[in-house]
Amino acid sequence: MNTIDKLTKHIVEFRDERDWRQFHNPKDLALSLSLEASELLEIFQWKDLKDMDLSTDSPDNLKIKEEVADIANYILLICNELDIDLEEAILEKIERNRTKYPVEKSKGSAKKYTEL
């Protein structure tokens, strides 16, 4: 069992012990994922990065760690509900992005592929 499968098993067990699957349809999971991503953004809102302490055990870093975990949990639950192989999906997306963003055109550029 790989790491993604182990993590999925843990979050699904956590959910099922609480009888929450009834609330975990793909739409509501995606909505919750977006809300958690917004909570991550809120940590950075109105702050200059140079004024933040992002060292490993700092309060800011610990808040970020919690939100990243929430985001990852919702991604795992969405993949579980829709039978998406997360590793496969990520690797396929990287390959599509290689085509959209060839190194010779995109290296050092923040432009979208349609602007290259």
N, C-alpha and C. Protein backbone atom coordinates (compact mmCIF):
# COMPACT_ATOMS: atom_id res chain seq x y z
N MET A 1 0.86 -1.18 0.00
CA MET A 1 0.00 0.00 0.00
C MET A 1 0.90 1.24 0.00
N ASN A 2 0.67 2.14 -0.96
CA ASN A 2 1.50 3.34 -1.02
C ASN A 2 1.01 4.40 -0.04
N THR A 3 1.75 5.49 0.06
CA THR A 3 1.44 6.54 1.03
C THR A 3 0.06 7.15 0.79
N ILE A 4 -0.27 7.42 -0.46
CA ILE A 4 -1.58 8.02 -0.76
C ILE A 4 -2.70 7.08 -0.30
N ASP A 5 -2.55 5.80 -0.58
CA ASP A 5 -3.57 4.83 -0.16
C ASP A 5 -3.69 4.76 1.36
N LYS A 6 -2.55 4.81 2.05
CA LYS A 6 -2.57 4.79 3.52
C LYS A 6 -3.27 6.02 4.08
N LEU A 7 -2.95 7.18 3.53
CA LEU A 7 -3.59 8.41 4.00
C LEU A 7 -5.08 8.39 3.72
N THR A 8 -5.46 7.91 2.54
CA THR A 8 -6.88 7.81 2.19
C THR A 8 -7.59 6.88 3.17
N LYS A 9 -6.97 5.76 3.47
CA LYS A 9 -7.56 4.81 4.42
C LYS A 9 -7.80 5.48 5.77
N HIS A 10 -6.84 6.26 6.25
CA HIS A 10 -6.98 6.93 7.54
C HIS A 10 -8.11 7.96 7.52
N ILE A 11 -8.18 8.79 6.49
CA ILE A 11 -9.21 9.84 6.47
C ILE A 11 -10.60 9.23 6.25
N VAL A 12 -10.69 8.16 5.46
CA VAL A 12 -11.98 7.49 5.25
C VAL A 12 -12.43 6.83 6.55
N GLU A 13 -11.52 6.20 7.27
CA GLU A 13 -11.88 5.60 8.57
C GLU A 13 -12.36 6.68 9.54
N PHE A 14 -11.66 7.80 9.59
CA PHE A 14 -12.05 8.92 10.44
C PHE A 14 -13.46 9.38 10.10
N ARG A 15 -13.72 9.55 8.79
CA ARG A 15 -15.04 9.98 8.33
C ARG A 15 -16.11 8.96 8.68
N ASP A 16 -15.85 7.71 8.39
CA ASP A 16 -16.86 6.67 8.58
C ASP A 16 -17.17 6.42 10.05
N GLU A 17 -16.18 6.56 10.92
CA GLU A 17 -16.43 6.41 12.36
C GLU A 17 -17.44 7.44 12.86
N ARG A 18 -17.53 8.55 12.17
CA ARG A 18 -18.43 9.64 12.57
C ARG A 18 -19.72 9.67 11.74
N ASP A 19 -19.87 8.70 10.83
CA ASP A 19 -21.03 8.63 9.95
C ASP A 19 -21.20 9.91 9.14
N TRP A 20 -20.10 10.41 8.58
CA TRP A 20 -20.13 11.65 7.80
C TRP A 20 -20.20 11.42 6.30
N ARG A 21 -20.11 10.17 5.86
CA ARG A 21 -20.12 9.93 4.41
C ARG A 21 -21.38 10.51 3.77
N GLN A 22 -22.47 10.49 4.51
CA GLN A 22 -23.73 11.02 4.00
C GLN A 22 -23.62 12.49 3.59
N PHE A 23 -22.66 13.20 4.13
CA PHE A 23 -22.47 14.62 3.82
C PHE A 23 -21.38 14.84 2.76
N HIS A 24 -20.69 13.77 2.40
CA HIS A 24 -19.49 13.90 1.58
C HIS A 24 -19.72 13.55 0.12
N ASN A 25 -20.60 14.28 -0.53
CA ASN A 25 -20.76 14.12 -1.97
C ASN A 25 -19.70 14.99 -2.66
N PRO A 26 -19.39 14.72 -3.93
CA PRO A 26 -18.32 15.47 -4.60
C PRO A 26 -18.50 16.99 -4.57
N LYS A 27 -19.73 17.46 -4.71
CA LYS A 27 -19.96 18.91 -4.69
C LYS A 27 -19.58 19.51 -3.35
N ASP A 28 -20.06 18.91 -2.27
CA ASP A 28 -19.78 19.47 -0.94
C ASP A 28 -18.32 19.30 -0.55
N LEU A 29 -17.69 18.23 -1.01
CA LEU A 29 -16.26 18.07 -0.76
C LEU A 29 -15.46 19.14 -1.50
N ALA A 30 -15.84 19.42 -2.75
CA ALA A 30 -15.15 20.46 -3.52
C ALA A 30 -15.36 21.83 -2.88
N LEU A 31 -16.57 22.08 -2.41
CA LEU A 31 -16.86 23.33 -1.72
C LEU A 31 -15.99 23.46 -0.47
N SER A 32 -15.92 22.40 0.30
CA SER A 32 -15.12 22.41 1.52
C SER A 32 -13.63 22.58 1.21
N LEU A 33 -13.18 21.97 0.14
CA LEU A 33 -11.79 22.14 -0.30
C LEU A 33 -11.50 23.60 -0.58
N SER A 34 -12.41 24.25 -1.28
CA SER A 34 -12.25 25.67 -1.60
C SER A 34 -12.22 26.53 -0.33
N LEU A 35 -13.08 26.21 0.61
CA LEU A 35 -13.11 26.96 1.87
C LEU A 35 -11.81 26.79 2.64
N GLU A 36 -11.29 25.58 2.67
CA GLU A 36 -10.02 25.35 3.37
C GLU A 36 -8.87 26.07 2.66
N ALA A 37 -8.90 26.10 1.33
CA ALA A 37 -7.87 26.84 0.59
C ALA A 37 -7.96 28.33 0.91
N SER A 38 -9.18 28.83 1.10
CA SER A 38 -9.36 30.23 1.49
C SER A 38 -8.80 30.49 2.89
N GLU A 39 -8.94 29.52 3.78
CA GLU A 39 -8.37 29.67 5.12
C GLU A 39 -6.84 29.72 5.05
N LEU A 40 -6.26 28.97 4.14
CA LEU A 40 -4.81 29.04 3.92
C LEU A 40 -4.42 30.43 3.42
N LEU A 41 -5.16 30.94 2.46
CA LEU A 41 -4.89 32.28 1.94
C LEU A 41 -5.01 33.34 3.02
N GLU A 42 -5.96 33.17 3.90
CA GLU A 42 -6.20 34.15 4.96
C GLU A 42 -4.97 34.32 5.87
N ILE A 43 -4.20 33.27 6.04
CA ILE A 43 -2.98 33.36 6.85
C ILE A 43 -2.02 34.39 6.27
N PHE A 44 -1.99 34.49 4.94
CA PHE A 44 -1.07 35.38 4.25
C PHE A 44 -1.66 36.76 3.97
N GLN A 45 -2.97 36.88 4.09
CA GLN A 45 -3.65 38.12 3.70
C GLN A 45 -3.11 39.32 4.46
N TRP A 46 -2.79 40.36 3.72
CA TRP A 46 -2.34 41.66 4.22
C TRP A 46 -0.99 41.60 4.93
N LYS A 47 -0.27 40.53 4.74
CA LYS A 47 1.04 40.40 5.38
C LYS A 47 2.13 40.38 4.32
N ASP A 48 3.26 40.95 4.66
CA ASP A 48 4.44 40.86 3.81
C ASP A 48 5.21 39.61 4.24
N LEU A 49 5.58 38.78 3.29
CA LEU A 49 6.26 37.52 3.63
C LEU A 49 7.51 37.74 4.47
N LYS A 50 8.19 38.85 4.24
CA LYS A 50 9.42 39.08 5.01
C LYS A 50 9.13 39.34 6.49
N ASP A 51 7.88 39.68 6.80
CA ASP A 51 7.49 39.93 8.20
C ASP A 51 6.92 38.69 8.88
N MET A 52 6.78 37.61 8.12
CA MET A 52 6.22 36.38 8.68
C MET A 52 7.35 35.44 9.10
N ASP A 53 7.12 34.74 10.19
CA ASP A 53 8.05 33.70 10.62
C ASP A 53 7.53 32.37 10.10
N LEU A 54 8.18 31.86 9.07
CA LEU A 54 7.74 30.60 8.47
C LEU A 54 8.65 29.43 8.83
N SER A 55 9.45 29.62 9.87
CA SER A 55 10.31 28.53 10.33
C SER A 55 9.44 27.37 10.82
N THR A 56 10.01 26.22 10.88
CA THR A 56 9.28 24.96 11.10
C THR A 56 8.25 24.98 12.22
N ASP A 57 8.59 25.47 13.38
CA ASP A 57 7.67 25.41 14.52
C ASP A 57 7.03 26.74 14.88
N SER A 58 7.09 27.69 13.96
CA SER A 58 6.50 29.00 14.24
C SER A 58 4.97 28.90 14.22
N PRO A 59 4.28 29.83 14.90
CA PRO A 59 2.81 29.81 14.87
C PRO A 59 2.25 29.90 13.45
N ASP A 60 2.84 30.75 12.60
CA ASP A 60 2.36 30.86 11.22
C ASP A 60 2.53 29.54 10.48
N ASN A 61 3.68 28.91 10.63
CA ASN A 61 3.93 27.65 9.94
C ASN A 61 2.99 26.56 10.43
N LEU A 62 2.70 26.53 11.72
CA LEU A 62 1.79 25.52 12.26
C LEU A 62 0.37 25.72 11.73
N LYS A 63 -0.06 26.98 11.58
CA LYS A 63 -1.38 27.26 10.99
C LYS A 63 -1.41 26.79 9.54
N ILE A 64 -0.34 27.09 8.81
CA ILE A 64 -0.25 26.68 7.41
C ILE A 64 -0.31 25.16 7.31
N LYS A 65 0.42 24.49 8.16
CA LYS A 65 0.45 23.02 8.18
C LYS A 65 -0.95 22.45 8.38
N GLU A 66 -1.71 23.03 9.30
CA GLU A 66 -3.08 22.56 9.55
C GLU A 66 -3.97 22.74 8.33
N GLU A 67 -3.88 23.90 7.69
CA GLU A 67 -4.73 24.15 6.52
C GLU A 67 -4.32 23.26 5.35
N VAL A 68 -3.03 23.07 5.15
CA VAL A 68 -2.56 22.19 4.08
C VAL A 68 -3.08 20.77 4.32
N ALA A 69 -3.07 20.32 5.56
CA ALA A 69 -3.59 18.99 5.89
C ALA A 69 -5.09 18.90 5.58
N ASP A 70 -5.84 19.95 5.94
CA ASP A 70 -7.28 19.96 5.63
C ASP A 70 -7.51 19.88 4.13
N ILE A 71 -6.74 20.65 3.37
CA ILE A 71 -6.86 20.65 1.91
C ILE A 71 -6.55 19.27 1.35
N ALA A 72 -5.46 18.68 1.81
CA ALA A 72 -5.07 17.34 1.34
C ALA A 72 -6.14 16.31 1.69
N ASN A 73 -6.71 16.41 2.87
CA ASN A 73 -7.76 15.46 3.26
C ASN A 73 -8.95 15.54 2.32
N TYR A 74 -9.36 16.75 1.96
CA TYR A 74 -10.50 16.88 1.04
C TYR A 74 -10.15 16.37 -0.35
N ILE A 75 -8.92 16.59 -0.79
CA ILE A 75 -8.50 16.04 -2.09
C ILE A 75 -8.58 14.52 -2.06
N LEU A 76 -8.08 13.92 -0.99
CA LEU A 76 -8.13 12.46 -0.87
C LEU A 76 -9.57 11.95 -0.85
N LEU A 77 -10.45 12.65 -0.15
CA LEU A 77 -11.85 12.23 -0.09
C LEU A 77 -12.54 12.37 -1.44
N ILE A 78 -12.25 13.44 -2.17
CA ILE A 78 -12.83 13.61 -3.51
C ILE A 78 -12.36 12.47 -4.42
N CYS A 79 -11.07 12.20 -4.40
CA CYS A 79 -10.52 11.12 -5.22
C CYS A 79 -11.14 9.78 -4.84
N ASN A 80 -11.33 9.56 -3.56
CA ASN A 80 -11.94 8.32 -3.09
C ASN A 80 -13.38 8.20 -3.60
N GLU A 81 -14.14 9.26 -3.50
CA GLU A 81 -15.54 9.22 -3.93
C GLU A 81 -15.68 9.03 -5.43
N LEU A 82 -14.76 9.61 -6.21
CA LEU A 82 -14.87 9.56 -7.67
C LEU A 82 -13.95 8.51 -8.29
N ASP A 83 -13.34 7.68 -7.45
CA ASP A 83 -12.44 6.62 -7.91
C ASP A 83 -11.34 7.17 -8.83
N ILE A 84 -10.74 8.26 -8.39
CA ILE A 84 -9.62 8.88 -9.11
C ILE A 84 -8.32 8.42 -8.47
N ASP A 85 -7.42 7.91 -9.28
CA ASP A 85 -6.09 7.55 -8.81
C ASP A 85 -5.28 8.85 -8.77
N LEU A 86 -5.05 9.37 -7.58
CA LEU A 86 -4.41 10.68 -7.43
C LEU A 86 -3.01 10.70 -8.04
N GLU A 87 -2.22 9.68 -7.78
CA GLU A 87 -0.87 9.64 -8.35
C GLU A 87 -0.92 9.67 -9.87
N GLU A 88 -1.77 8.86 -10.45
CA GLU A 88 -1.93 8.82 -11.90
C GLU A 88 -2.40 10.17 -12.43
N ALA A 89 -3.36 10.78 -11.77
CA ALA A 89 -3.89 12.07 -12.21
C ALA A 89 -2.80 13.14 -12.19
N ILE A 90 -1.98 13.14 -11.14
CA ILE A 90 -0.91 14.13 -11.04
C ILE A 90 0.13 13.92 -12.14
N LEU A 91 0.54 12.68 -12.34
CA LEU A 91 1.54 12.39 -13.37
C LEU A 91 1.02 12.74 -14.76
N GLU A 92 -0.25 12.44 -15.03
CA GLU A 92 -0.84 12.79 -16.33
C GLU A 92 -0.88 14.30 -16.52
N LYS A 93 -1.22 15.02 -15.47
CA LYS A 93 -1.29 16.49 -15.55
C LYS A 93 0.09 17.09 -15.79
N ILE A 94 1.11 16.55 -15.14
CA ILE A 94 2.47 17.04 -15.36
C ILE A 94 2.85 16.85 -16.83
N GLU A 95 2.49 15.71 -17.41
CA GLU A 95 2.81 15.47 -18.82
C GLU A 95 2.06 16.45 -19.73
N ARG A 96 0.79 16.71 -19.45
CA ARG A 96 0.04 17.70 -20.24
C ARG A 96 0.68 19.08 -20.12
N ASN A 97 1.13 19.42 -18.91
CA ASN A 97 1.77 20.72 -18.70
C ASN A 97 3.12 20.80 -19.41
N ARG A 98 3.83 19.69 -19.56
CA ARG A 98 5.09 19.68 -20.31
C ARG A 98 4.83 20.13 -21.75
N THR A 99 3.71 19.68 -22.32
CA THR A 99 3.35 20.06 -23.68
C THR A 99 2.94 21.53 -23.74
N LYS A 100 2.16 21.96 -22.77
CA LYS A 100 1.68 23.35 -22.75
C LYS A 100 2.79 24.35 -22.44
N TYR A 101 3.76 23.91 -21.66
CA TYR A 101 4.84 24.80 -21.21
C TYR A 101 6.20 24.20 -21.55
N PRO A 102 6.56 24.18 -22.85
CA PRO A 102 7.88 23.65 -23.19
C PRO A 102 8.98 24.51 -22.57
N VAL A 103 10.04 23.87 -22.11
CA VAL A 103 11.11 24.56 -21.40
C VAL A 103 11.64 25.74 -22.22
N GLU A 104 11.86 25.52 -23.51
CA GLU A 104 12.46 26.57 -24.33
C GLU A 104 11.59 27.83 -24.43
N LYS A 105 10.29 27.71 -24.19
CA LYS A 105 9.40 28.88 -24.24
C LYS A 105 9.03 29.41 -22.86
N SER A 106 9.02 28.55 -21.87
CA SER A 106 8.46 28.95 -20.58
C SER A 106 9.49 29.17 -19.47
N LYS A 107 10.72 28.76 -19.68
CA LYS A 107 11.72 28.86 -18.62
C LYS A 107 11.89 30.30 -18.16
N GLY A 108 11.71 30.52 -16.87
CA GLY A 108 11.87 31.85 -16.29
C GLY A 108 10.71 32.79 -16.55
N SER A 109 9.64 32.29 -17.14
CA SER A 109 8.49 33.13 -17.49
C SER A 109 7.27 32.75 -16.65
N ALA A 110 6.51 33.75 -16.25
CA ALA A 110 5.27 33.51 -15.51
C ALA A 110 4.05 33.60 -16.43
N LYS A 111 4.29 33.68 -17.73
CA LYS A 111 3.18 33.80 -18.68
C LYS A 111 2.39 32.51 -18.77
N LYS A 112 1.08 32.68 -19.02
CA LYS A 112 0.22 31.53 -19.25
C LYS A 112 0.58 30.94 -20.61
N TYR A 113 0.32 29.64 -20.78
CA TYR A 113 0.70 28.95 -22.01
C TYR A 113 0.12 29.61 -23.26
N THR A 114 -1.02 30.25 -23.14
CA THR A 114 -1.64 30.91 -24.30
C THR A 114 -0.90 32.18 -24.69
N GLU A 115 0.00 32.64 -23.83
CA GLU A 115 0.75 33.87 -24.10
C GLU A 115 2.20 33.60 -24.49
N LEU A 116 2.61 32.35 -24.51
CA LEU A 116 4.01 32.02 -24.83
C LEU A 116 4.28 32.15 -26.31
